[in-house]
């Protein structure tokens, strides 16, 4: 029963945290860690956790896959050089600097490098949770893309560090370089190949439930493929997701896609939240192991606290230094006009440093350390300290830093949204007569569709911010009236069910149709 109780406790903590965080002005990830700590007050939950290998295999593939599906590939291409530098070089430098600082404070090189690998990658999901939409689009996109790449880099560093710590591999510069190259190239190759294969399968699945079952399997298949060839399983998942994100719009039905968004949205939300709760659950046992005084393997609590504080300071200083130095080096080497348009300010780099919080992946790496590894308690404690400190300190400071950075408002997405809507309607409008002839539509139907498209095009051309324009007013009134009618129809159908005039099956069928129409109209209003 303990497993079931743990599942219920994790789910309840995530729900309570999401509801409570906005009311008490605390970031949700930090509150979830605190709720995990609170759960340890229940005797049955003390010392409870998932097996180390389960953490990486259960949490990482779906989280990374959903992040890659929802990232802009165009923006990745635009800022590719900075993303690669932040996702690879910055991670290696951060891991090495952290390891050197931890070792200088008395920690062995093995656990020091593992800590460096754990705290090196940033977490864009945690950033999104604490930024509340305040972070400019460019910085948010770059952080998302960086977090996808740096996860793979950090796990390669982690694998080398564990091999070094356990003495299972001989470390040399040539070996490490070869490991990185093979891991990256192999992971991307496997991911693209499996994405092509999964799309081939998806195009032949018409049943939405079966299609979404295949979608849920995709990140695990990609992760398994990367593991089987001993390449980066993380990059296999990421490259698979990026490839599918470009091809899926024309390969998957609208109904399947609606289910996919709903399933992945709630799934990634629960997995992310559960990871933070699990860290809270793991903290007391890690602290207890340190306090118990594993003199032959570990360090006193005071020494571990000093290491944790030093590591946190190190990741901030290292990130800012690398961002500033690399920017000026690139500026000195590349003087092309295109490159000048991509330049930003040191204030923006301070904002990027503040936004570079640590989260789910760092926790997963720390919790994946084998239970019998002597310094595991210190590794988990230091990593959790860094994650909590970044969420608490950087999370509270980020809104003020964003305002201080004075980044100009980016209206590009809004402009492109209106362009896409207008172009789609104009071209559909032109094709309307031919399409009507092909499917033999009556003139009355054609005239009605023609009028609706004409009205909508007039509203978009006028601009939905122009409240006084007649076409805009009519479009908004039309949507509100349709929503009101949908609510009335739903109440009528429920009344018929309550009167036992219709069956629950009939209710659910009509309710599904009404829900789809309501969602469409509601989304239309949101984007207008």
Protein backbone atom coordinates (compact mmCIF):
# COMPACT_ATOMS: atom_id res chain seq x y z
CA UNK A 1 0.00 0.00 0.00
CA UNK A 2 2.95 2.35 0.53
CA UNK A 3 3.40 2.76 -3.24
CA UNK A 4 -0.23 3.79 -3.68
CA UNK A 5 -0.03 6.13 -0.70
CA UNK A 6 3.09 7.75 -2.18
CA UNK A 7 1.39 8.26 -5.55
CA UNK A 8 -1.63 9.88 -3.88
CA UNK A 9 0.60 12.04 -1.66
CA UNK A 10 2.69 13.23 -4.62
CA UNK A 11 -0.38 14.06 -6.69
CA UNK A 12 -2.10 15.82 -3.81
CA UNK A 13 1.05 17.85 -3.05
CA UNK A 14 1.28 19.00 -6.69
CA UNK A 15 -2.38 20.06 -6.73
CA UNK A 16 -2.19 21.82 -3.35
CA UNK A 17 1.06 23.54 -4.36
CA UNK A 18 -0.39 24.84 -7.62
CA UNK A 19 -3.43 26.27 -5.81
CA UNK A 20 -1.58 27.66 -2.81
CA UNK A 21 1.50 29.22 -4.46
CA UNK A 22 -0.27 32.24 -6.04
CA UNK A 23 -2.13 32.98 -2.80
CA UNK A 24 0.98 33.19 -0.61
CA UNK A 25 3.29 34.79 -3.23
CA UNK A 26 5.83 31.96 -3.36
CA UNK A 27 7.13 30.20 -6.46
CA UNK A 28 5.39 26.91 -7.09
CA UNK A 29 8.54 24.72 -7.42
CA UNK A 30 9.86 26.01 -4.09
CA UNK A 31 6.54 25.40 -2.40
CA UNK A 32 6.49 21.85 -3.74
CA UNK A 33 9.89 21.17 -2.16
CA UNK A 34 8.54 22.49 1.14
CA UNK A 35 5.45 20.28 0.82
CA UNK A 36 7.76 17.32 0.23
CA UNK A 37 9.54 18.21 3.46
CA UNK A 38 6.18 18.42 5.21
CA UNK A 39 5.29 14.91 4.02
CA UNK A 40 8.29 13.53 5.91
CA UNK A 41 6.42 14.40 9.11
CA UNK A 42 4.33 11.34 8.30
CA UNK A 43 6.40 8.38 9.59
CA UNK A 44 5.55 6.14 6.61
CA UNK A 45 7.10 8.63 4.17
CA UNK A 46 10.43 9.07 5.92
CA UNK A 47 13.25 7.80 3.76
CA UNK A 48 10.86 6.92 0.92
CA UNK A 49 11.93 7.56 -2.68
CA UNK A 50 12.10 6.07 -6.13
CA UNK A 51 14.91 3.75 -7.25
CA UNK A 52 17.74 5.87 -8.76
CA UNK A 53 17.49 4.40 -12.27
CA UNK A 54 13.73 4.98 -12.28
CA UNK A 55 14.16 8.72 -11.81
CA UNK A 56 16.05 9.18 -15.09
CA UNK A 57 14.02 6.67 -17.09
CA UNK A 58 10.57 7.76 -15.87
CA UNK A 59 10.94 11.53 -15.68
CA UNK A 60 13.48 12.68 -18.27
CA UNK A 61 12.12 11.25 -21.57
CA UNK A 62 8.58 12.69 -21.37
CA UNK A 63 9.69 16.03 -19.90
CA UNK A 64 12.35 16.61 -22.55
CA UNK A 65 10.12 15.39 -25.37
CA UNK A 66 7.33 17.82 -24.51
CA UNK A 67 9.81 20.68 -24.17
CA UNK A 68 11.24 19.92 -27.61
CA UNK A 69 7.76 19.70 -29.15
CA UNK A 70 6.88 23.17 -27.85
CA UNK A 71 10.15 24.95 -28.72
CA UNK A 72 10.55 27.22 -31.76
CA UNK A 73 12.96 25.61 -34.23
CA UNK A 74 13.18 28.87 -36.19
CA UNK A 75 14.38 30.76 -33.13
CA UNK A 76 16.84 27.96 -32.38
CA UNK A 77 18.33 28.40 -35.85
CA UNK A 78 18.44 32.16 -35.39
CA UNK A 79 20.37 32.03 -32.11
CA UNK A 80 22.08 28.70 -32.75
CA UNK A 81 25.61 29.84 -31.96
CA UNK A 82 24.74 31.25 -28.54
CA UNK A 83 22.52 28.26 -27.77
CA UNK A 84 25.27 25.77 -28.59
CA UNK A 85 27.81 27.72 -26.54
CA UNK A 86 25.44 27.88 -23.56
CA UNK A 87 24.29 24.29 -24.00
CA UNK A 88 27.74 22.74 -24.29
CA UNK A 89 30.72 24.93 -23.43
CA UNK A 90 29.01 26.70 -20.53
CA UNK A 91 27.87 23.37 -19.06
CA UNK A 92 31.38 21.88 -19.20
CA UNK A 93 32.97 25.04 -17.76
CA UNK A 94 30.34 25.21 -15.00
CA UNK A 95 30.76 21.54 -14.12
CA UNK A 96 34.55 21.89 -14.04
CA UNK A 97 34.51 25.09 -12.01
CA UNK A 98 32.03 23.66 -9.50
CA UNK A 99 34.11 20.48 -9.19
CA UNK A 100 37.26 22.51 -8.57
CA UNK A 101 35.56 24.64 -5.89
CA UNK A 102 34.02 21.60 -4.17
CA UNK A 103 37.36 19.78 -4.23
CA UNK A 104 39.16 22.82 -2.83
CA UNK A 105 36.72 22.74 0.10
CA UNK A 106 37.57 19.14 0.92
CA UNK A 107 35.37 17.01 -1.31
CA UNK A 108 36.84 14.13 -3.35
CA UNK A 109 37.09 14.67 -7.12
CA UNK A 110 34.52 11.94 -7.91
CA UNK A 111 31.53 13.39 -6.01
CA UNK A 112 32.71 16.92 -6.85
CA UNK A 113 32.37 16.20 -10.58
CA UNK A 114 29.00 14.51 -10.06
CA UNK A 115 27.75 17.63 -8.26
CA UNK A 116 29.15 19.75 -11.09
CA UNK A 117 27.28 17.68 -13.68
CA UNK A 118 24.06 17.84 -11.64
CA UNK A 119 23.95 21.62 -11.13
CA UNK A 120 25.37 22.65 -14.53
CA UNK A 121 22.15 22.54 -16.63
CA UNK A 122 19.42 25.17 -16.34
CA UNK A 123 15.72 24.28 -16.28
CA UNK A 124 13.47 26.26 -18.64
CA UNK A 125 10.31 24.72 -17.13
CA UNK A 126 11.21 26.06 -13.71
CA UNK A 127 11.95 29.43 -15.31
CA UNK A 128 8.51 29.47 -16.92
CA UNK A 129 6.95 28.65 -13.55
CA UNK A 130 8.61 31.57 -11.77
CA UNK A 131 8.68 34.12 -14.62
CA UNK A 132 4.88 34.15 -15.06
CA UNK A 133 5.18 35.28 -18.68
CA UNK A 134 7.36 38.30 -17.78
CA UNK A 135 10.52 37.02 -19.44
CA UNK A 136 11.02 38.45 -22.97
CA UNK A 137 10.38 35.99 -25.80
CA UNK A 138 13.97 35.90 -27.04
CA UNK A 139 15.41 35.08 -23.61
CA UNK A 140 12.68 32.51 -22.91
CA UNK A 141 13.22 30.81 -26.27
CA UNK A 142 17.00 30.71 -25.84
CA UNK A 143 16.64 29.31 -22.31
CA UNK A 144 14.25 26.63 -23.57
CA UNK A 145 16.61 25.60 -26.36
CA UNK A 146 19.66 25.81 -24.11
CA UNK A 147 18.02 23.59 -21.51
CA UNK A 148 17.31 20.92 -24.14
CA UNK A 149 20.95 20.75 -25.21
CA UNK A 150 22.58 21.26 -21.83
CA UNK A 151 20.66 18.32 -20.36
CA UNK A 152 22.43 16.03 -22.81
CA UNK A 153 25.79 17.63 -22.11
CA UNK A 154 25.32 17.39 -18.36
CA UNK A 155 24.39 13.71 -18.54
CA UNK A 156 27.51 12.95 -20.58
CA UNK A 157 29.57 14.73 -17.94
CA UNK A 158 27.62 12.82 -15.29
CA UNK A 159 28.36 9.47 -16.96
CA UNK A 160 32.08 10.27 -17.18
CA UNK A 161 32.07 11.50 -13.57
CA UNK A 162 30.39 8.36 -12.27
CA UNK A 163 32.82 6.21 -14.24
CA UNK A 164 35.72 8.18 -12.79
CA UNK A 165 34.30 8.07 -9.26
CA UNK A 166 33.75 4.31 -9.33
CA UNK A 167 37.02 3.60 -11.15
CA UNK A 168 35.21 1.74 -13.95
CA UNK A 169 36.79 3.83 -16.75
CA UNK A 170 40.16 5.43 -17.38
CA UNK A 171 39.80 9.17 -17.92
CA UNK A 172 41.84 10.94 -20.60
CA UNK A 173 41.23 14.09 -22.69
CA UNK A 174 41.02 12.01 -25.86
CA UNK A 175 38.52 9.62 -24.31
CA UNK A 176 36.32 12.43 -22.97
CA UNK A 177 36.37 14.28 -26.32
CA UNK A 178 35.49 11.11 -28.21
CA UNK A 179 32.71 10.35 -25.73
CA UNK A 180 31.21 13.80 -26.26
CA UNK A 181 31.38 13.65 -30.05
CA UNK A 182 29.95 10.15 -30.32
CA UNK A 183 27.28 10.90 -27.73
CA UNK A 184 26.09 14.02 -29.53
CA UNK A 185 26.28 12.78 -33.11
CA UNK A 186 24.92 9.34 -32.23
CA UNK A 187 22.07 10.75 -30.16
CA UNK A 188 20.94 13.16 -32.87
CA UNK A 189 21.17 10.50 -35.57
CA UNK A 190 19.15 7.99 -33.58
CA UNK A 191 16.56 10.62 -32.67
CA UNK A 192 15.99 11.75 -36.26
CA UNK A 193 15.81 8.17 -37.56
CA UNK A 194 13.29 7.13 -34.92
CA UNK A 195 11.26 10.30 -35.47
CA UNK A 196 10.95 9.44 -39.17
CA UNK A 197 9.91 5.89 -38.28
CA UNK A 198 7.36 7.03 -35.67
CA UNK A 199 5.85 9.52 -38.11
CA UNK A 200 5.54 6.76 -40.70
CA UNK A 201 3.62 4.74 -38.10
CA UNK A 202 1.49 7.70 -36.98
CA UNK A 203 0.34 8.46 -40.54
CA UNK A 204 -1.13 4.97 -40.71
CA UNK A 205 -2.99 5.14 -37.39
CA UNK A 206 -6.46 6.63 -37.70
CA UNK A 207 -7.70 5.81 -34.22
CA UNK A 208 -6.92 8.84 -31.98
CA UNK A 209 -6.45 6.72 -28.85
CA UNK A 210 -4.01 4.39 -30.58
CA UNK A 211 -2.25 7.39 -32.11
CA UNK A 212 -1.79 9.02 -28.73
CA UNK A 213 -0.59 5.73 -27.25
CA UNK A 214 2.11 5.76 -29.93
CA UNK A 215 2.87 9.38 -29.04
CA UNK A 216 3.34 8.48 -25.37
CA UNK A 217 5.73 5.71 -26.36
CA UNK A 218 7.79 7.92 -28.67
CA UNK A 219 10.12 9.57 -26.09
CA UNK A 220 10.79 6.24 -24.39
CA UNK A 221 11.53 4.57 -27.74
CA UNK A 222 13.95 7.41 -28.60
CA UNK A 223 15.57 7.20 -25.16
CA UNK A 224 15.92 3.44 -25.49
CA UNK A 225 17.44 3.84 -28.95
CA UNK A 226 20.06 6.24 -27.63
CA UNK A 227 20.87 3.89 -24.74
CA UNK A 228 21.20 0.85 -27.01
CA UNK A 229 23.89 2.50 -29.14
CA UNK A 230 25.51 4.06 -26.04
CA UNK A 231 24.91 7.58 -27.34
CA UNK A 232 23.12 10.49 -25.66
CA UNK A 233 19.61 9.26 -24.96
CA UNK A 234 18.63 12.81 -24.00
CA UNK A 235 19.67 14.24 -27.37
CA UNK A 236 17.91 11.35 -29.09
CA UNK A 237 14.67 12.40 -27.37
CA UNK A 238 15.23 16.10 -28.09
CA UNK A 239 16.10 15.66 -31.78
CA UNK A 240 13.17 13.26 -32.17
CA UNK A 241 10.80 15.83 -30.66
CA UNK A 242 12.13 18.70 -32.79
CA UNK A 243 11.80 16.66 -35.99
CA UNK A 244 8.25 15.57 -35.15
CA UNK A 245 7.26 19.13 -34.20
CA UNK A 246 7.96 20.19 -37.79
CA UNK A 247 6.24 17.29 -39.55
CA UNK A 248 3.33 16.44 -37.22
CA UNK A 249 0.94 19.30 -38.16
CA UNK A 250 0.15 17.61 -41.48
CA UNK A 251 0.61 14.04 -40.26
CA UNK A 252 -1.79 14.01 -37.29
CA UNK A 253 -5.53 14.65 -37.20
CA UNK A 254 -6.96 17.63 -35.30
CA UNK A 255 -8.84 15.40 -32.86
CA UNK A 256 -5.71 13.40 -32.07
CA UNK A 257 -3.74 16.61 -31.64
CA UNK A 258 -6.27 17.98 -29.12
CA UNK A 259 -5.90 14.82 -27.08
CA UNK A 260 -2.11 15.00 -27.37
CA UNK A 261 -1.90 18.55 -26.03
CA UNK A 262 -4.20 17.72 -23.13
CA UNK A 263 -2.38 14.50 -22.21
CA UNK A 264 1.12 15.93 -22.44
CA UNK A 265 0.14 19.15 -20.68
CA UNK A 266 -1.15 17.40 -17.57
CA UNK A 267 1.50 14.67 -17.72
CA UNK A 268 4.48 17.03 -17.84
CA UNK A 269 2.87 19.21 -15.17
CA UNK A 270 2.51 16.29 -12.77
CA UNK A 271 5.97 14.85 -13.48
CA UNK A 272 7.69 18.19 -12.96
CA UNK A 273 5.81 18.82 -9.76
CA UNK A 274 6.41 15.31 -8.45
CA UNK A 275 10.17 15.72 -8.90
CA UNK A 276 10.25 18.77 -6.67
CA UNK A 277 8.15 16.98 -4.04
CA UNK A 278 10.49 13.98 -4.20
CA UNK A 279 13.45 16.25 -3.45
CA UNK A 280 11.68 17.49 -0.34
CA UNK A 281 11.12 13.87 0.66
CA UNK A 282 14.80 13.01 0.06
CA UNK A 283 16.28 15.98 1.94
CA UNK A 284 15.81 14.75 5.55
CA UNK A 285 17.37 11.34 4.84
CA UNK A 286 20.27 12.99 3.00
CA UNK A 287 20.73 15.39 5.88
CA UNK A 288 20.50 12.52 8.34
CA UNK A 289 23.18 10.59 6.48
CA UNK A 290 25.50 13.58 6.66
CA UNK A 291 24.80 14.25 10.33
CA UNK A 292 25.32 10.57 11.11
CA UNK A 293 28.93 11.27 10.24
CA UNK A 294 30.15 8.99 7.49
CA UNK A 295 33.67 10.03 8.42
CA UNK A 296 35.38 7.60 6.11
CA UNK A 297 33.30 8.61 3.10
CA UNK A 298 31.48 11.88 3.75
CA UNK A 299 31.93 15.28 5.40
CA UNK A 300 30.54 17.05 8.47
CA UNK A 301 27.32 18.99 7.97
CA UNK A 302 29.05 22.36 8.34
CA UNK A 303 31.52 21.47 5.62
CA UNK A 304 28.76 20.27 3.28
CA UNK A 305 26.78 23.48 3.88
CA UNK A 306 29.88 25.50 3.00
CA UNK A 307 30.32 23.48 -0.20
CA UNK A 308 26.65 23.99 -1.10
CA UNK A 309 26.80 27.76 -0.62
CA UNK A 310 30.08 27.99 -2.56
CA UNK A 311 28.67 25.87 -5.40
CA UNK A 312 25.62 28.10 -5.68
CA UNK A 313 27.73 31.23 -5.87
CA UNK A 314 30.02 29.56 -8.39
CA UNK A 315 27.28 28.71 -10.89
CA UNK A 316 26.04 32.32 -10.91
CA UNK A 317 29.49 33.88 -11.35
CA UNK A 318 30.49 31.32 -13.97
CA UNK A 319 27.34 31.78 -16.03
CA UNK A 320 27.60 35.58 -16.09
CA UNK A 321 31.32 35.50 -16.86
CA UNK A 322 30.96 33.04 -19.75
CA UNK A 323 27.98 34.93 -21.23
CA UNK A 324 29.84 38.25 -21.14
CA UNK A 325 33.22 36.97 -22.34
CA UNK A 326 31.77 34.84 -25.16
CA UNK A 327 29.62 37.77 -26.36
CA UNK A 328 32.58 40.12 -26.64
CA UNK A 329 34.73 37.46 -28.32
CA UNK A 330 32.01 36.85 -30.91
CA UNK A 331 31.54 40.59 -31.35
CA UNK A 332 35.27 41.02 -32.04
CA UNK A 333 35.44 38.11 -34.49
CA UNK A 334 32.12 38.43 -36.34
CA UNK A 335 31.35 41.94 -37.59
CA UNK A 336 28.61 41.00 -40.07
CA UNK A 337 25.47 43.19 -40.11
CA UNK A 338 23.32 40.13 -39.40
CA UNK A 339 25.31 39.38 -36.26
CA UNK A 340 24.99 42.97 -35.06
CA UNK A 341 21.20 42.64 -35.09
CA UNK A 342 21.44 39.72 -32.65
CA UNK A 343 23.50 41.61 -30.08
CA UNK A 344 22.12 42.31 -26.65
CA UNK A 345 23.19 44.21 -23.54
CA UNK A 346 25.00 43.27 -20.36
CA UNK A 347 21.77 44.03 -18.50
CA UNK A 348 20.12 41.30 -20.57
CA UNK A 349 22.96 38.94 -19.67
CA UNK A 350 22.42 39.64 -15.98
CA UNK A 351 18.75 38.82 -16.56
CA UNK A 352 19.72 35.58 -18.33
CA UNK A 353 21.97 34.69 -15.39
CA UNK A 354 19.15 35.36 -12.93
CA UNK A 355 16.74 33.33 -15.07
CA UNK A 356 19.15 30.38 -15.21
CA UNK A 357 17.55 28.51 -12.32
CA UNK A 358 18.18 24.84 -11.65
CA UNK A 359 15.32 22.38 -11.46
CA UNK A 360 14.01 19.00 -12.50
CA UNK A 361 17.02 17.66 -14.42
CA UNK A 362 19.46 18.59 -11.65
CA UNK A 363 17.22 16.81 -9.17
CA UNK A 364 16.87 13.76 -11.41
CA UNK A 365 20.64 13.49 -11.84
CA UNK A 366 21.27 13.75 -8.09
CA UNK A 367 18.55 11.25 -7.22
CA UNK A 368 19.91 8.86 -9.87
CA UNK A 369 23.18 8.41 -7.98
CA UNK A 370 23.28 4.77 -6.75
CA UNK A 371 22.04 4.28 -3.20
CA UNK A 372 25.26 2.54 -2.14
CA UNK A 373 27.54 5.33 -3.38
CA UNK A 374 29.35 6.65 -0.26
CA UNK A 375 28.89 10.39 -0.94
CA UNK A 376 25.31 10.15 -2.25
CA UNK A 377 23.81 12.01 0.73
CA UNK A 378 26.18 14.95 0.26
CA UNK A 379 25.50 15.03 -3.51
CA UNK A 380 21.72 15.04 -3.03
CA UNK A 381 21.92 17.66 -0.29
CA UNK A 382 24.21 20.05 -2.21
CA UNK A 383 22.15 19.71 -5.41
CA UNK A 384 18.88 20.24 -3.55
CA UNK A 385 20.37 23.27 -1.77
CA UNK A 386 21.36 24.80 -5.11
CA UNK A 387 17.94 24.10 -6.63
CA UNK A 388 16.06 25.53 -3.65
CA UNK A 389 18.36 28.56 -3.43
CA UNK A 390 18.00 29.31 -7.13
CA UNK A 391 14.22 29.00 -6.97
CA UNK A 392 13.94 31.13 -3.82
CA UNK A 393 16.56 33.82 -4.46
CA UNK A 394 16.59 34.06 -8.26
CA UNK A 395 12.86 33.41 -8.46
CA UNK A 396 12.04 36.31 -6.16
CA UNK A 397 14.56 38.63 -7.85
CA UNK A 398 13.71 37.78 -11.47
CA UNK A 399 10.68 40.10 -11.95
CA UNK A 400 12.69 43.07 -10.68
CA UNK A 401 15.71 42.14 -12.79
CA UNK A 402 13.50 41.86 -15.87
CA UNK A 403 12.21 45.39 -15.30
CA UNK A 404 15.75 46.65 -14.61
CA UNK A 405 17.09 45.09 -17.82
CA UNK A 406 14.88 47.40 -19.96
CA UNK A 407 14.38 44.93 -22.80
CA UNK A 408 12.19 46.48 -25.54
CA UNK A 409 8.77 44.90 -25.93
CA UNK A 410 8.74 42.18 -28.59
CA UNK A 411 5.60 42.40 -30.73
CA UNK A 412 6.84 40.08 -33.46
CA UNK A 413 4.67 37.12 -32.46
CA UNK A 414 1.52 39.28 -32.42
CA UNK A 415 2.35 40.69 -35.85
CA UNK A 416 3.08 37.23 -37.27
CA UNK A 417 -0.13 35.88 -35.75
CA UNK A 418 -2.21 38.51 -37.54
CA UNK A 419 -0.27 37.92 -40.77
CA UNK A 420 -0.87 34.16 -40.62
CA UNK A 421 -4.59 34.59 -39.87
CA UNK A 422 -5.07 37.14 -42.64
CA UNK A 423 -3.12 35.13 -45.24
CA UNK A 424 -4.91 31.88 -44.36
CA UNK A 425 -8.34 33.51 -44.63
CA UNK A 426 -7.47 35.35 -47.87
CA UNK A 427 -6.24 32.21 -49.59
CA UNK A 428 -9.16 30.14 -48.29
CA UNK A 429 -11.48 32.90 -49.50
CA UNK A 430 -9.97 32.70 -53.00
CA UNK A 431 -10.26 28.90 -53.04
CA UNK A 432 -13.85 28.92 -51.75
CA UNK A 433 -15.68 28.85 -55.15
CA UNK A 434 -13.53 25.99 -56.50
CA UNK A 435 -13.88 23.99 -53.31
CA UNK A 436 -17.64 24.54 -53.31
CA UNK A 437 -17.91 23.20 -56.87
CA UNK A 438 -15.77 20.17 -56.06
CA UNK A 439 -18.02 19.03 -53.22
CA UNK A 440 -21.25 20.28 -54.86
CA UNK A 441 -22.31 22.80 -52.19
CA UNK A 442 -25.65 24.62 -52.45
CA UNK A 443 -25.56 28.34 -53.21
CA UNK A 444 -27.14 29.20 -49.85
CA UNK A 445 -24.38 27.40 -47.94
CA UNK A 446 -21.71 29.01 -50.12
CA UNK A 447 -23.18 32.45 -49.50
CA UNK A 448 -23.28 31.90 -45.73
CA UNK A 449 -19.66 30.73 -45.58
CA UNK A 450 -18.66 33.57 -47.90
CA UNK A 451 -20.27 36.12 -45.58
CA UNK A 452 -18.65 34.67 -42.42
CA UNK A 453 -15.18 34.66 -43.99
CA UNK A 454 -15.67 38.15 -45.36
CA UNK A 455 -16.66 39.44 -41.91
CA UNK A 456 -13.75 37.74 -40.18
CA UNK A 457 -11.26 39.02 -42.76
CA UNK A 458 -12.58 42.56 -42.30
CA UNK A 459 -12.08 42.30 -38.53
CA UNK A 460 -8.51 41.02 -38.87
CA UNK A 461 -7.62 43.64 -41.47
CA UNK A 462 -8.96 46.37 -39.17
CA UNK A 463 -7.00 44.97 -36.25
CA UNK A 464 -8.70 43.43 -33.21
CA UNK A 465 -7.40 46.24 -30.99
CA UNK A 466 -9.72 48.64 -32.81
CA UNK A 467 -12.76 48.13 -30.59
CA UNK A 468 -14.80 50.79 -32.43
CA UNK A 469 -14.55 49.18 -35.86
CA UNK A 470 -17.94 47.68 -36.84
CA UNK A 471 -16.42 44.41 -38.14
CA UNK A 472 -14.46 43.92 -34.92
CA UNK A 473 -17.51 44.62 -32.77
CA UNK A 474 -19.66 42.21 -34.79
CA UNK A 475 -17.02 39.46 -34.60
CA UNK A 476 -16.74 39.77 -30.82
CA UNK A 477 -20.52 39.88 -30.43
CA UNK A 478 -20.83 36.80 -32.65
CA UNK A 479 -18.37 34.84 -30.51
CA UNK A 480 -20.05 35.89 -27.25
CA UNK A 481 -23.49 35.00 -28.56
CA UNK A 482 -22.30 31.60 -29.79
CA UNK A 483 -20.72 30.88 -26.38
CA UNK A 484 -23.95 31.86 -24.64
CA UNK A 485 -25.94 29.58 -26.94
CA UNK A 486 -23.55 26.71 -26.28
CA UNK A 487 -24.06 27.15 -22.53
CA UNK A 488 -27.84 27.12 -23.01
CA UNK A 489 -27.69 24.00 -25.20
CA UNK A 490 -25.50 22.22 -22.65
CA UNK A 491 -27.96 23.03 -19.83
CA UNK A 492 -30.84 21.75 -21.98
CA UNK A 493 -29.13 18.45 -22.72
CA UNK A 494 -28.24 17.97 -19.05
CA UNK A 495 -31.88 18.63 -18.14
CA UNK A 496 -33.00 15.99 -20.65
CA UNK A 497 -30.56 13.53 -19.06
CA UNK A 498 -31.79 14.39 -15.55
CA UNK A 499 -35.38 13.86 -16.72
CA UNK A 500 -34.28 10.44 -18.06
CA UNK A 501 -35.35 11.45 -21.56
CA UNK A 502 -31.88 10.70 -22.96
CA UNK A 503 -29.09 8.37 -21.88
CA UNK A 504 -25.72 9.44 -20.43
CA UNK A 505 -24.07 8.17 -23.63
CA UNK A 506 -26.11 10.64 -25.67
CA UNK A 507 -25.18 13.41 -23.23
CA UNK A 508 -21.47 12.68 -23.53
CA UNK A 509 -21.64 12.63 -27.34
CA UNK A 510 -23.35 16.02 -27.56
CA UNK A 511 -21.22 17.40 -24.75
CA UNK A 512 -18.06 16.51 -26.68
CA UNK A 513 -19.32 18.40 -29.74
CA UNK A 514 -20.28 21.43 -27.65
CA UNK A 515 -16.94 21.38 -25.81
CA UNK A 516 -14.98 21.35 -29.07
CA UNK A 517 -16.95 24.32 -30.39
CA UNK A 518 -16.61 26.20 -27.08
CA UNK A 519 -12.84 25.64 -26.98
CA UNK A 520 -12.52 26.90 -30.56
CA UNK A 521 -14.47 30.08 -29.85
CA UNK A 522 -12.70 30.68 -26.52
CA UNK A 523 -9.27 30.29 -28.12
CA UNK A 524 -10.32 32.61 -30.92
CA UNK A 525 -11.25 35.27 -28.37
CA UNK A 526 -7.97 34.80 -26.49
CA UNK A 527 -5.87 35.40 -29.62
CA UNK A 528 -7.90 38.42 -30.63
